[in-house]
Amino acid sequence: MKESGDKSNAVGLESLGIKEAKEVLWNLTPAELVEEAIKNGEGVLTDSGALMCDTGSFTGRSPKDRFIVKDAKTEDTVWWGDINIGFDPEKFDQLQEKMIDFLKDRKLYVRDSYAGAHPEYRLNLRIVNTQAWQNLFCNNMFLRLTKEQLKDHKPEFTIICAPEFKANPEVDGTRQENFAIINFTKNMILIGGTGYAGEMKKGIFGVLNYILPQERQTLSMHCSANVGKEGDTAIFFGLSGTGKTTLSADPDRGLIGDDEHGWTKDSVFNFEGGCYAKVIDLTHEKEPQIWDAIKFGAIVENTRFYEGTRTVDYTNNSVTENTRTAYPIYHIDNAFEPSRADIPKNIFFLTADAFGVLPPISKLNTSQAMYHFISGYTAKVAGTEVGVTEPQTTFSACFGAAFLPLHPTKYAEMLGKKMEENNVNVWLVNTGWTGGPYGTGSRMKLPYTRAMITAALNGQLDNVSYVKHPVFGVEIPTSCPNVPSEVLNPRDTWKDKEAYDAKAQDLASKFIKNFSKYSEYANQSILAGAPQVEVSID
């Protein structure tokens, strides 16, 4: 087996059963991987220097084809259901053997790296790829080892990713030809039949979401995080469209990370070594940091050029709305490295409430914070997805239900405990509608939202007076620097106060109906954070 590159002396591929391959290229540099990708016909260079690649028929994750092996280790710990689908251990072993056999006589790209910027909580990784661009993706997204560190690297979790390998559902136990399967006993992820590189990134996130809370008393979080000049850390949770990336990207604050973090007893740390950002309709004016990060070494996925050029047309959605870029975090000028800072002083739950009910900023007590954390609310508006013609509530537990192997209450209880131990402020920020619902009201102005977040970060909301929301019970500030007082209380912005009251009751009932699937496992402290409304959940 011909091998080259910077290889670990501690553990080879034989430990995986890979003893035959046409060639194994270990830990190539970004320049070498770009060269390989172009030579293999996997991508082309853009005029900014980034590598442009397509992911094939899958332009996003396939949640129904993500499995967890159900065995003695996971049977009583994993939150089984539509999100965490069980997979037979013997079928996994059978599939692994078939994949190993498939890799014979192929060129393989192996990446040794790790997840977790805190040295005491890191997870050593090895990724085996059949495609060079996907190995570059892993170089960008996971944390990078020095040449010296590579020599003694011992992987604790391994990914084998072969987009060309397709399962036989009838024989292999999968739903379709594509699959992503996590095995916590063998410490391995198998991915096949899909070229979407995000399956690798989110696979390791799922692994950390299982290991860290159970074994390391660390809260794993789907959030962005930044830190101020005084060392004050802030965390931003929010589903797509709520402004998480925009609001956490602050030129006056260092970026810890944009997607996945852990909260230990003494710090917050980034799981990743890069960013994986959406680029649909990207402009330099709207997102200068992301725009400037798309240079040599970065990847753009499923984008297209302006005709006759090598300039990316970011408005082009002919392949997918989910066009993305993957780049190492050091491509961001104000990246905070190593990506670790003190425990947070402020946490922001971002929601785009299309019903115009929730305040633009409000303060939550511990019970409310746990309840809203489990709820993970935002609203979709017309045009965001096919078939959405009017505002629809969207709930995703802990703002990332798709990646939670444990029951959401486990993460919420950890959040509540850490809040009380560290005296953390939690703010609910509505970046959505005011003065009425979507179609009647208007979107909250971004400068106002930024001013409210800045005021919270600077402690300027510590000594103002508050009023309690009559339904949700959250505390609404009556004044905020650089924000008109009349926009702070949402009821005051509606012409028809009775219509507001009815809409608030309606939204609260949706919260309670959604929460009913978790209530059996929720303690009294979490349940105390619910809105006050009479509703039947039948």
Protein backbone atom coordinates (compact mmCIF):
# COMPACT_ATOMS: atom_id res chain seq x y z
CA MET A 1 0.00 0.00 0.00
CA LYS A 2 1.70 3.18 -1.22
CA GLU A 3 1.60 5.92 1.42
CA SER A 4 2.93 9.47 1.55
CA GLY A 5 2.54 12.65 3.60
CA ASP A 6 2.79 13.37 7.31
CA LYS A 7 1.63 10.16 8.93
CA SER A 8 1.03 9.28 12.57
CA ASN A 9 3.54 6.77 13.92
CA ALA A 10 1.08 5.64 16.58
CA VAL A 11 -1.89 4.22 14.65
CA GLY A 12 -2.21 3.31 10.99
CA LEU A 13 -5.15 2.40 8.79
CA GLU A 14 -4.71 -1.28 9.62
CA SER A 15 -6.66 -0.66 12.82
CA LEU A 16 -9.70 -0.01 10.61
CA GLY A 17 -9.10 -3.08 8.50
CA ILE A 18 -7.83 -0.97 5.59
CA LYS A 19 -4.79 -2.91 4.36
CA GLU A 20 -5.16 -2.44 0.64
CA ALA A 21 -5.49 0.82 -1.25
CA LYS A 22 -4.14 2.18 -4.49
CA GLU A 23 -2.54 5.08 -2.63
CA VAL A 24 -2.93 6.76 0.75
CA LEU A 25 -2.18 10.49 1.02
CA TRP A 26 -1.81 11.58 4.64
CA ASN A 27 -2.55 15.08 5.90
CA LEU A 28 -1.92 16.99 2.70
CA THR A 29 -1.67 20.77 2.83
CA PRO A 30 -4.56 22.88 1.50
CA ALA A 31 -2.55 23.69 -1.63
CA GLU A 32 -1.88 19.99 -2.27
CA LEU A 33 -5.54 19.10 -1.74
CA VAL A 34 -6.72 21.86 -4.09
CA GLU A 35 -4.30 20.56 -6.70
CA GLU A 36 -5.58 16.98 -6.19
CA ALA A 37 -9.22 18.09 -6.40
CA ILE A 38 -8.68 19.93 -9.68
CA LYS A 39 -6.67 17.01 -11.10
CA ASN A 40 -9.48 14.62 -10.10
CA GLY A 41 -12.14 16.84 -11.70
CA GLU A 42 -13.78 17.47 -8.33
CA GLY A 43 -13.80 21.25 -8.58
CA VAL A 44 -12.53 24.44 -10.20
CA LEU A 45 -10.93 27.62 -8.87
CA THR A 46 -12.92 30.84 -8.59
CA ASP A 47 -11.39 34.26 -9.21
CA SER A 48 -11.11 34.77 -5.43
CA GLY A 49 -8.94 31.64 -5.16
CA ALA A 50 -11.59 29.46 -3.51
CA LEU A 51 -12.30 25.94 -4.73
CA MET A 52 -15.82 25.51 -6.15
CA CYS A 53 -17.33 22.02 -5.84
CA ASP A 54 -20.70 20.34 -6.25
CA THR A 55 -22.10 17.89 -3.71
CA GLY A 56 -24.17 15.90 -6.19
CA SER A 57 -27.80 14.95 -5.69
CA PHE A 58 -27.66 15.79 -1.98
CA THR A 59 -27.26 19.52 -1.31
CA GLY A 60 -28.03 19.22 2.39
CA ARG A 61 -28.17 16.70 5.19
CA SER A 62 -30.61 13.80 4.93
CA PRO A 63 -32.04 13.52 8.48
CA LYS A 64 -34.10 10.39 7.77
CA ASP A 65 -30.93 8.58 6.66
CA ARG A 66 -28.93 9.38 9.80
CA PHE A 67 -28.76 6.48 12.23
CA ILE A 68 -27.23 5.57 15.59
CA VAL A 69 -26.27 1.99 16.32
CA LYS A 70 -28.59 0.68 19.02
CA ASP A 71 -26.58 -1.54 21.36
CA ALA A 72 -25.86 -2.07 25.05
CA LYS A 73 -24.16 1.33 25.32
CA THR A 74 -26.85 3.41 23.66
CA GLU A 75 -30.09 1.52 24.23
CA ASP A 76 -30.99 3.29 27.49
CA THR A 77 -29.19 6.60 26.93
CA VAL A 78 -30.13 7.83 23.45
CA TRP A 79 -33.37 9.76 22.86
CA TRP A 80 -34.79 7.35 20.26
CA GLY A 81 -37.41 8.46 17.75
CA ASP A 82 -37.69 10.28 14.43
CA ILE A 83 -34.43 12.16 15.06
CA ASN A 84 -32.28 9.36 16.46
CA ILE A 85 -33.14 6.26 14.45
CA GLY A 86 -31.77 2.96 15.71
CA PHE A 87 -29.50 0.77 13.56
CA ASP A 88 -28.64 -2.88 14.04
CA PRO A 89 -25.02 -3.51 15.23
CA GLU A 90 -24.59 -6.54 12.97
CA LYS A 91 -25.79 -4.55 9.95
CA PHE A 92 -23.22 -1.88 10.82
CA ASP A 93 -20.41 -4.46 10.91
CA GLN A 94 -21.59 -5.86 7.59
CA LEU A 95 -21.71 -2.38 6.02
CA GLN A 96 -18.28 -1.53 7.38
CA GLU A 97 -16.78 -4.65 5.79
CA LYS A 98 -18.38 -3.79 2.46
CA MET A 99 -17.03 -0.24 2.61
CA ILE A 100 -13.52 -1.43 3.48
CA ASP A 101 -13.65 -3.80 0.53
CA PHE A 102 -14.90 -0.93 -1.66
CA LEU A 103 -11.85 1.17 -0.72
CA LYS A 104 -9.41 -1.37 -2.18
CA ASP A 105 -7.56 -0.06 -5.21
CA ARG A 106 -8.74 3.52 -4.54
CA LYS A 107 -6.79 6.63 -3.73
CA LEU A 108 -7.55 7.68 -0.15
CA TYR A 109 -7.08 11.01 1.59
CA VAL A 110 -6.57 10.73 5.34
CA ARG A 111 -6.88 13.68 7.73
CA ASP A 112 -5.83 13.60 11.38
CA SER A 113 -7.36 16.42 13.40
CA TYR A 114 -9.41 17.05 16.51
CA ALA A 115 -12.60 18.69 17.76
CA GLY A 116 -12.66 20.92 20.84
CA ALA A 117 -10.37 23.90 21.39
CA HIS A 118 -10.09 23.14 25.12
CA PRO A 119 -7.16 20.72 25.65
CA GLU A 120 -8.94 18.82 28.42
CA TYR A 121 -12.08 18.22 26.34
CA ARG A 122 -10.77 17.58 22.84
CA LEU A 123 -11.73 14.58 20.75
CA ASN A 124 -8.99 13.23 18.46
CA LEU A 125 -10.28 12.44 14.98
CA ARG A 126 -9.29 10.57 11.85
CA ILE A 127 -11.19 11.06 8.60
CA VAL A 128 -10.75 8.76 5.61
CA ASN A 129 -12.03 10.32 2.37
CA THR A 130 -12.21 9.17 -1.23
CA GLN A 131 -12.39 12.76 -2.46
CA ALA A 132 -9.71 15.41 -2.02
CA TRP A 133 -12.10 18.35 -1.69
CA GLN A 134 -13.91 16.65 1.19
CA ASN A 135 -10.57 16.15 2.94
CA LEU A 136 -9.94 19.88 2.46
CA PHE A 137 -13.39 20.50 3.99
CA CYS A 138 -12.29 18.52 7.06
CA ASN A 139 -9.04 20.48 7.24
CA ASN A 140 -11.08 23.69 7.29
CA MET A 141 -13.80 22.60 9.69
CA PHE A 142 -11.92 20.61 12.32
CA LEU A 143 -9.00 21.80 14.42
CA ARG A 144 -5.59 21.38 12.85
CA LEU A 145 -2.59 19.54 14.29
CA THR A 146 1.02 20.64 13.97
CA LYS A 147 3.51 18.34 12.24
CA GLU A 148 4.94 17.49 15.63
CA GLN A 149 1.51 16.61 17.03
CA LEU A 150 0.75 14.42 14.02
CA LYS A 151 3.57 12.03 14.84
CA ASP A 152 1.91 10.67 17.99
CA HIS A 153 -1.74 11.22 17.06
CA LYS A 154 -4.12 8.53 18.31
CA PRO A 155 -7.66 8.90 16.95
CA GLU A 156 -10.56 8.46 19.36
CA PHE A 157 -13.25 8.69 16.68
CA THR A 158 -13.03 7.85 12.99
CA ILE A 159 -15.09 8.86 9.95
CA ILE A 160 -15.04 6.80 6.77
CA CYS A 161 -16.69 8.84 4.02
CA ALA A 162 -17.12 7.44 0.52
CA PRO A 163 -19.80 9.27 -1.50
CA GLU A 164 -19.37 6.79 -4.36
CA PHE A 165 -20.32 3.81 -2.17
CA LYS A 166 -24.04 3.10 -2.20
CA ALA A 167 -25.84 0.83 0.22
CA ASN A 168 -28.33 -1.82 -0.74
CA PRO A 169 -31.29 -0.99 1.55
CA GLU A 170 -32.76 -4.49 1.42
CA VAL A 171 -29.48 -6.08 2.48
CA ASP A 172 -27.80 -3.36 4.54
CA GLY A 173 -30.71 -2.12 6.66
CA THR A 174 -30.60 1.47 5.41
CA ARG A 175 -33.61 3.42 4.13
CA GLN A 176 -31.96 4.45 0.86
CA GLU A 177 -28.60 4.13 -0.86
CA ASN A 178 -27.23 7.04 1.19
CA PHE A 179 -26.52 6.85 4.92
CA ALA A 180 -24.68 8.38 7.86
CA ILE A 181 -24.37 6.01 10.83
CA ILE A 182 -22.79 6.72 14.23
CA ASN A 183 -21.47 3.82 16.29
CA PHE A 184 -20.61 4.89 19.87
CA THR A 185 -19.22 1.47 20.79
CA LYS A 186 -16.80 1.28 17.85
CA ASN A 187 -16.21 5.06 17.90
CA MET A 188 -16.88 5.33 14.19
CA ILE A 189 -19.08 7.10 11.65
CA LEU A 190 -19.79 5.56 8.25
CA ILE A 191 -21.01 7.90 5.49
CA GLY A 192 -21.86 6.78 1.97
CA GLY A 193 -24.02 7.62 -1.01
CA THR A 194 -23.98 11.37 -0.37
CA GLY A 195 -21.50 14.05 -1.37
CA TYR A 196 -22.76 16.58 1.15
CA ALA A 197 -19.71 17.30 3.30
CA GLY A 198 -21.81 18.75 6.14
CA GLU A 199 -22.71 15.18 7.16
CA MET A 200 -19.15 14.82 8.53
CA LYS A 201 -19.23 18.08 10.46
CA LYS A 202 -22.66 17.45 11.99
CA GLY A 203 -21.79 13.82 12.66
CA ILE A 204 -18.99 14.85 15.00
CA PHE A 205 -21.27 17.46 16.57
CA GLY A 206 -23.71 14.67 17.36
CA VAL A 207 -20.89 12.63 18.88
CA LEU A 208 -19.84 15.51 21.16
CA ASN A 209 -23.48 16.12 22.09
CA TYR A 210 -23.53 12.55 23.41
CA ILE A 211 -20.11 12.34 25.06
CA LEU A 212 -19.62 15.75 26.69
CA PRO A 213 -22.82 16.10 28.77
CA GLN A 214 -22.72 12.49 29.99
CA GLU A 215 -19.03 11.91 30.53
CA ARG A 216 -17.50 15.35 30.96
CA GLN A 217 -20.25 17.47 32.64
CA THR A 218 -19.97 19.88 29.72
CA LEU A 219 -22.94 21.54 28.03
CA SER A 220 -22.69 21.14 24.25
CA MET A 221 -24.42 23.93 22.35
CA HIS A 222 -25.54 24.74 18.80
CA CYS A 223 -24.67 28.43 18.95
CA SER A 224 -22.25 31.15 17.96
CA ALA A 225 -20.02 32.89 20.50
CA ASN A 226 -17.92 36.03 20.71
CA VAL A 227 -15.87 37.87 23.32
CA GLY A 228 -15.41 41.56 24.11
CA LYS A 229 -12.23 43.50 24.78
CA GLU A 230 -12.83 43.09 28.53
CA GLY A 231 -13.01 39.31 28.18
CA ASP A 232 -16.81 39.12 28.47
CA THR A 233 -18.20 36.15 26.54
CA ALA A 234 -21.59 36.15 24.82
CA ILE A 235 -23.47 33.23 23.30
CA PHE A 236 -26.06 33.44 20.51
CA PHE A 237 -28.64 30.72 19.88
CA GLY A 238 -31.01 30.90 16.93
CA LEU A 239 -32.49 28.95 14.06
CA SER A 240 -31.98 29.86 10.40
CA GLY A 241 -33.23 33.34 9.54
CA THR A 242 -33.04 34.77 13.04
CA GLY A 243 -29.81 36.72 12.50
CA LYS A 244 -27.42 34.55 14.51
CA THR A 245 -24.47 34.89 12.13
CA THR A 246 -25.09 38.60 11.47
CA LEU A 247 -25.51 39.59 15.12
CA SER A 248 -22.60 37.54 16.46
CA ALA A 249 -20.26 38.96 13.79
CA ASP A 250 -19.24 42.14 15.56
CA PRO A 251 -16.05 43.96 14.49
CA ASP A 252 -15.59 45.17 18.08
CA ARG A 253 -15.68 41.63 19.49
CA GLY A 254 -13.55 38.56 18.80
CA LEU A 255 -15.26 35.59 17.14
CA ILE A 256 -14.87 32.40 19.20
CA GLY A 257 -16.91 30.40 16.71
CA ASP A 258 -20.09 30.49 14.64
CA ASP A 259 -21.84 27.16 15.23
CA GLU A 260 -20.77 24.61 17.88
CA HIS A 261 -19.45 25.16 21.40
CA GLY A 262 -18.96 23.55 24.78
CA TRP A 263 -19.44 25.18 28.20
CA THR A 264 -17.20 23.71 30.90
CA LYS A 265 -16.81 24.71 34.55
CA ASP A 266 -14.34 27.44 33.57
CA SER A 267 -14.78 28.40 29.92
CA VAL A 268 -16.58 28.30 26.59
CA PHE A 269 -14.71 26.68 23.71
CA ASN A 270 -15.29 26.17 20.01
CA PHE A 271 -15.63 22.59 18.79
CA GLU A 272 -14.43 23.54 15.32
CA GLY A 273 -11.55 25.09 13.47
CA GLY A 274 -13.60 26.83 10.82
CA CYS A 275 -16.94 28.18 9.63
CA TYR A 276 -19.58 26.68 7.35
CA ALA A 277 -21.72 29.60 6.25
CA LYS A 278 -24.61 29.98 3.83
CA VAL A 279 -23.75 32.19 0.86
CA ILE A 280 -27.05 32.59 -0.98
CA ASP A 281 -27.34 36.31 -1.87
CA LEU A 282 -24.01 37.02 -0.16
CA THR A 283 -22.64 40.54 -0.68
CA HIS A 284 -19.62 42.35 0.68
CA GLU A 285 -21.91 45.02 2.09
CA LYS A 286 -24.10 42.58 4.07
CA GLU A 287 -21.41 40.12 5.26
CA PRO A 288 -17.92 41.57 4.73
CA GLN A 289 -16.21 39.03 7.01
CA ILE A 290 -17.61 36.02 5.17
CA TRP A 291 -16.99 37.64 1.78
CA ASP A 292 -13.34 38.32 2.59
CA ALA A 293 -12.87 34.80 4.01
CA ILE A 294 -13.67 33.17 0.65
CA LYS A 295 -10.14 33.04 -0.69
CA PHE A 296 -7.56 30.38 -1.48
CA GLY A 297 -8.07 27.40 0.83
CA ALA A 298 -11.79 28.07 1.20
CA ILE A 299 -14.48 26.01 -0.52
CA VAL A 300 -17.76 27.14 -2.07
CA GLU A 301 -20.42 24.47 -2.57
CA ASN A 302 -23.09 24.24 -5.28
CA THR A 303 -22.56 27.80 -6.52
CA ARG A 304 -22.37 28.98 -10.15
CA PHE A 305 -20.34 31.55 -12.07
CA TYR A 306 -21.51 34.58 -13.93
CA GLU A 307 -21.48 33.44 -17.55
CA GLY A 308 -18.08 33.67 -19.19
CA THR A 309 -16.26 34.41 -15.92
CA ARG A 310 -14.82 32.72 -12.84
CA THR A 311 -16.74 35.13 -10.58
CA VAL A 312 -19.29 33.46 -8.32
CA ASP A 313 -22.89 34.62 -8.74
CA TYR A 314 -24.16 34.31 -5.18
CA THR A 315 -27.72 35.09 -6.27
CA ASN A 316 -27.80 31.91 -8.35
CA ASN A 317 -29.93 29.27 -6.66
CA SER A 318 -30.25 26.97 -9.68
CA VAL A 319 -28.62 24.11 -7.76
CA THR A 320 -29.95 24.86 -4.27
CA GLU A 321 -30.83 27.64 -1.85
CA ASN A 322 -28.34 25.95 0.51
CA THR A 323 -25.17 27.19 -1.19
CA ARG A 324 -22.33 27.31 1.33
CA THR A 325 -18.71 28.13 2.01
CA ALA A 326 -16.28 26.33 4.30
CA TYR A 327 -13.16 28.14 5.46
CA PRO A 328 -10.70 27.95 8.37
CA ILE A 329 -11.46 30.34 11.21
CA TYR A 330 -8.17 32.20 10.71
CA HIS A 331 -9.64 33.58 7.46
CA ILE A 332 -11.70 35.86 9.76
CA ASP A 333 -9.71 38.92 10.84
CA ASN A 334 -11.09 39.11 14.37
CA ALA A 335 -11.08 35.37 15.06
CA PHE A 336 -10.17 34.61 18.67
CA GLU A 337 -7.49 31.89 18.74
CA PRO A 338 -7.22 29.57 20.46
CA SER A 339 -11.02 29.55 20.26
CA ARG A 340 -11.71 29.56 23.98
CA ALA A 341 -12.85 32.26 26.43
CA ASP A 342 -14.35 32.73 29.89
CA ILE A 343 -17.80 31.46 30.88
CA PRO A 344 -20.56 33.63 29.35
CA LYS A 345 -21.99 36.71 31.01
CA ASN A 346 -24.84 37.01 28.51
CA ILE A 347 -26.82 34.51 26.46
CA PHE A 348 -29.12 35.57 23.62
CA PHE A 349 -31.98 33.44 22.29
CA LEU A 350 -32.74 34.88 18.84
CA THR A 351 -36.16 34.40 17.29
CA ALA A 352 -37.83 35.91 14.23
CA ASP A 353 -41.40 36.03 15.56
CA ALA A 354 -43.55 36.60 12.49
CA PHE A 355 -46.64 37.05 14.68
CA GLY A 356 -45.36 40.28 16.25
CA VAL A 357 -46.01 39.03 19.79
CA LEU A 358 -42.65 38.67 21.52
CA PRO A 359 -40.77 41.76 22.76
CA PRO A 360 -37.71 42.93 20.79
CA ILE A 361 -35.67 42.19 23.93
CA SER A 362 -36.68 40.68 27.26
CA LYS A 363 -34.95 39.11 30.22
CA LEU A 364 -35.62 35.50 31.25
CA ASN A 365 -35.36 33.89 34.65
CA THR A 366 -33.84 30.42 34.96
CA SER A 367 -37.13 28.57 34.49
CA GLN A 368 -38.09 30.62 31.44
CA ALA A 369 -34.61 30.17 29.97
CA MET A 370 -34.82 26.37 30.26
CA TYR A 371 -38.35 26.35 28.82
CA HIS A 372 -37.48 28.58 25.85
CA PHE A 373 -34.24 26.63 25.32
CA ILE A 374 -36.20 23.40 24.94
CA SER A 375 -38.78 25.17 22.75
CA GLY A 376 -36.24 26.67 20.32
CA TYR A 377 -38.83 28.87 18.63
CA THR A 378 -38.87 30.93 15.48
CA ALA A 379 -41.39 31.42 12.65
CA LYS A 380 -41.17 30.90 8.91
CA VAL A 381 -42.77 33.46 6.62
CA ALA A 382 -44.19 33.21 3.12
CA GLY A 383 -41.55 32.50 0.50
CA THR A 384 -38.97 30.90 2.80
CA GLU A 385 -40.01 27.38 1.82
CA VAL A 386 -42.23 25.81 -0.83
CA GLY A 387 -45.78 25.67 0.46
CA VAL A 388 -45.35 28.31 3.17
CA THR A 389 -47.99 30.94 2.38
CA GLU A 390 -48.50 32.44 5.84
CA PRO A 391 -46.44 32.59 9.07
CA GLN A 392 -45.75 29.18 10.60
CA THR A 393 -44.31 28.37 14.01
CA THR A 394 -41.06 26.40 14.00
CA PHE A 395 -39.74 24.70 17.11
CA SER A 396 -36.37 22.93 17.34
CA ALA A 397 -35.32 21.69 20.77
CA CYS A 398 -32.22 23.46 22.11
CA PHE A 399 -32.05 25.29 18.76
CA GLY A 400 -30.64 22.11 17.20
CA ALA A 401 -32.93 19.12 17.70
CA ALA A 402 -31.48 17.27 14.70
CA PHE A 403 -28.14 16.87 16.49
CA LEU A 404 -29.25 15.83 20.00
CA PRO A 405 -28.65 12.18 20.90
CA LEU A 406 -29.89 12.78 24.48
CA HIS A 407 -33.30 14.00 25.60
CA PRO A 408 -33.59 17.83 25.38
CA THR A 409 -34.33 18.12 29.10
CA LYS A 410 -30.77 16.87 29.82
CA TYR A 411 -29.28 19.88 28.04
CA ALA A 412 -31.84 22.29 29.52
CA GLU A 413 -31.13 21.14 33.08
CA MET A 414 -27.40 21.69 32.50
CA LEU A 415 -28.12 25.18 31.15
CA GLY A 416 -30.22 26.06 34.22
CA LYS A 417 -27.56 24.77 36.60
CA LYS A 418 -24.80 26.73 34.87
CA MET A 419 -26.95 29.88 34.81
CA GLU A 420 -27.46 29.79 38.56
CA GLU A 421 -23.86 28.83 39.35
CA ASN A 422 -22.47 31.69 37.25
CA ASN A 423 -25.17 34.39 37.50
CA VAL A 424 -25.64 34.57 33.73
CA ASN A 425 -28.14 36.89 32.01
CA VAL A 426 -30.38 35.26 29.39
CA TRP A 427 -32.13 37.51 26.87
CA LEU A 428 -34.89 36.65 24.40
CA VAL A 429 -34.40 38.83 21.32
CA ASN A 430 -37.10 39.07 18.66
CA THR A 431 -35.59 40.03 15.31
CA GLY A 432 -38.99 39.49 13.66
CA TRP A 433 -42.10 41.63 13.41
CA THR A 434 -43.44 44.57 15.38
CA GLY A 435 -46.67 46.57 15.12
CA GLY A 436 -48.56 43.50 13.91
CA PRO A 437 -47.90 40.14 12.32
CA TYR A 438 -46.17 39.51 9.01
CA GLY A 439 -48.16 41.32 6.31
CA THR A 440 -49.42 44.00 8.70
CA GLY A 441 -46.49 44.98 10.88
CA SER A 442 -42.88 45.63 9.91
CA ARG A 443 -39.59 43.85 10.55
CA MET A 444 -37.67 45.08 13.60
CA LYS A 445 -34.93 47.43 12.40
CA LEU A 446 -31.47 45.84 12.57
CA PRO A 447 -29.85 48.97 14.11
CA TYR A 448 -32.38 48.76 16.98
CA THR A 449 -31.61 45.06 17.54
CA ARG A 450 -27.89 45.77 17.52
CA ALA A 451 -28.39 48.63 19.99
CA MET A 452 -30.38 46.39 22.35
CA ILE A 453 -27.75 43.64 22.25
CA THR A 454 -25.00 46.22 22.81
CA ALA A 455 -26.88 47.65 25.78
CA ALA A 456 -27.27 44.18 27.29
CA LEU A 457 -23.57 43.42 26.75
CA ASN A 458 -22.48 46.74 28.29
CA GLY A 459 -24.66 46.35 31.38
CA GLN A 460 -26.84 49.30 30.36
CA LEU A 461 -30.00 47.27 30.98
CA ASP A 462 -29.00 46.29 34.51
CA ASN A 463 -30.51 49.31 36.22
CA VAL A 464 -33.53 50.20 34.08
CA SER A 465 -37.10 49.41 35.11
CA TYR A 466 -38.93 46.39 33.70
CA VAL A 467 -42.53 45.32 33.16
CA LYS A 468 -43.71 41.72 33.01
CA HIS A 469 -45.30 40.38 29.83
CA PRO A 470 -48.86 39.33 30.80
CA VAL A 471 -48.73 35.99 28.93
CA PHE A 472 -45.10 34.93 28.57
CA GLY A 473 -44.03 36.40 31.91
CA VAL A 474 -40.69 37.68 30.59
CA GLU A 475 -39.30 41.01 31.81
CA ILE A 476 -39.45 43.87 29.26
CA PRO A 477 -37.14 46.88 29.75
CA THR A 478 -38.97 50.21 29.63
CA SER A 479 -35.97 52.03 28.17
CA CYS A 480 -32.85 51.22 26.19
CA PRO A 481 -30.11 53.49 24.82
CA ASN A 482 -30.52 54.35 21.13
CA VAL A 483 -33.90 52.61 20.88
CA PRO A 484 -37.27 54.44 20.94
CA SER A 485 -39.15 53.42 24.10
CA GLU A 486 -42.38 52.93 22.16
CA VAL A 487 -40.98 49.86 20.32
CA LEU A 488 -39.90 47.98 23.46
CA ASN A 489 -43.33 46.73 24.52
CA PRO A 490 -44.90 44.88 21.57
CA ARG A 491 -48.50 45.48 22.69
CA ASP A 492 -47.92 49.24 22.49
CA THR A 493 -46.91 48.94 18.82
CA TRP A 494 -50.23 47.38 17.76
CA LYS A 495 -53.16 49.67 16.88
CA ASP A 496 -55.64 46.98 17.90
CA LYS A 497 -54.70 45.96 21.46
CA GLU A 498 -57.36 43.25 21.62
CA ALA A 499 -55.99 41.71 18.43
CA TYR A 500 -52.53 41.67 20.04
CA ASP A 501 -53.88 39.95 23.16
CA ALA A 502 -55.59 37.30 21.05
CA LYS A 503 -52.45 36.69 19.00
CA ALA A 504 -50.34 36.44 22.17
CA GLN A 505 -52.71 33.82 23.58
CA ASP A 506 -52.62 31.94 20.29
CA LEU A 507 -48.82 31.89 20.15
CA ALA A 508 -48.61 30.82 23.80
CA SER A 509 -50.95 27.91 23.08
CA LYS A 510 -48.63 26.81 20.25
CA PHE A 511 -45.69 26.84 22.69
CA ILE A 512 -47.59 24.65 25.15
CA LYS A 513 -48.77 22.19 22.52
CA ASN A 514 -45.23 21.83 21.21
CA PHE A 515 -43.83 21.37 24.72
CA SER A 516 -46.29 18.59 25.55
CA LYS A 517 -43.97 16.00 24.02
CA TYR A 518 -41.25 16.92 26.53
CA SER A 519 -43.35 17.63 29.63
CA GLU A 520 -43.23 14.05 30.94
CA TYR A 521 -39.45 14.36 31.38
CA ALA A 522 -39.33 18.02 32.47
CA ASN A 523 -38.85 18.94 36.13
CA GLN A 524 -40.98 21.50 37.94
CA SER A 525 -38.39 24.23 37.47
CA ILE A 526 -38.56 23.86 33.67
CA LEU A 527 -42.38 23.67 33.65
CA ALA A 528 -42.56 26.89 35.68
CA GLY A 529 -41.16 28.77 32.67
CA ALA A 530 -44.22 28.10 30.50
CA PRO A 531 -46.46 30.95 29.32
CA GLN A 532 -49.68 31.45 31.27
CA VAL A 533 -52.56 30.43 29.05
CA GLU A 534 -55.39 27.95 29.22
CA VAL A 535 -55.08 25.46 26.40
CA SER A 536 -56.04 21.92 25.57
CA ILE A 537 -53.20 19.88 24.12
CA ASP A 538 -55.50 17.23 22.67
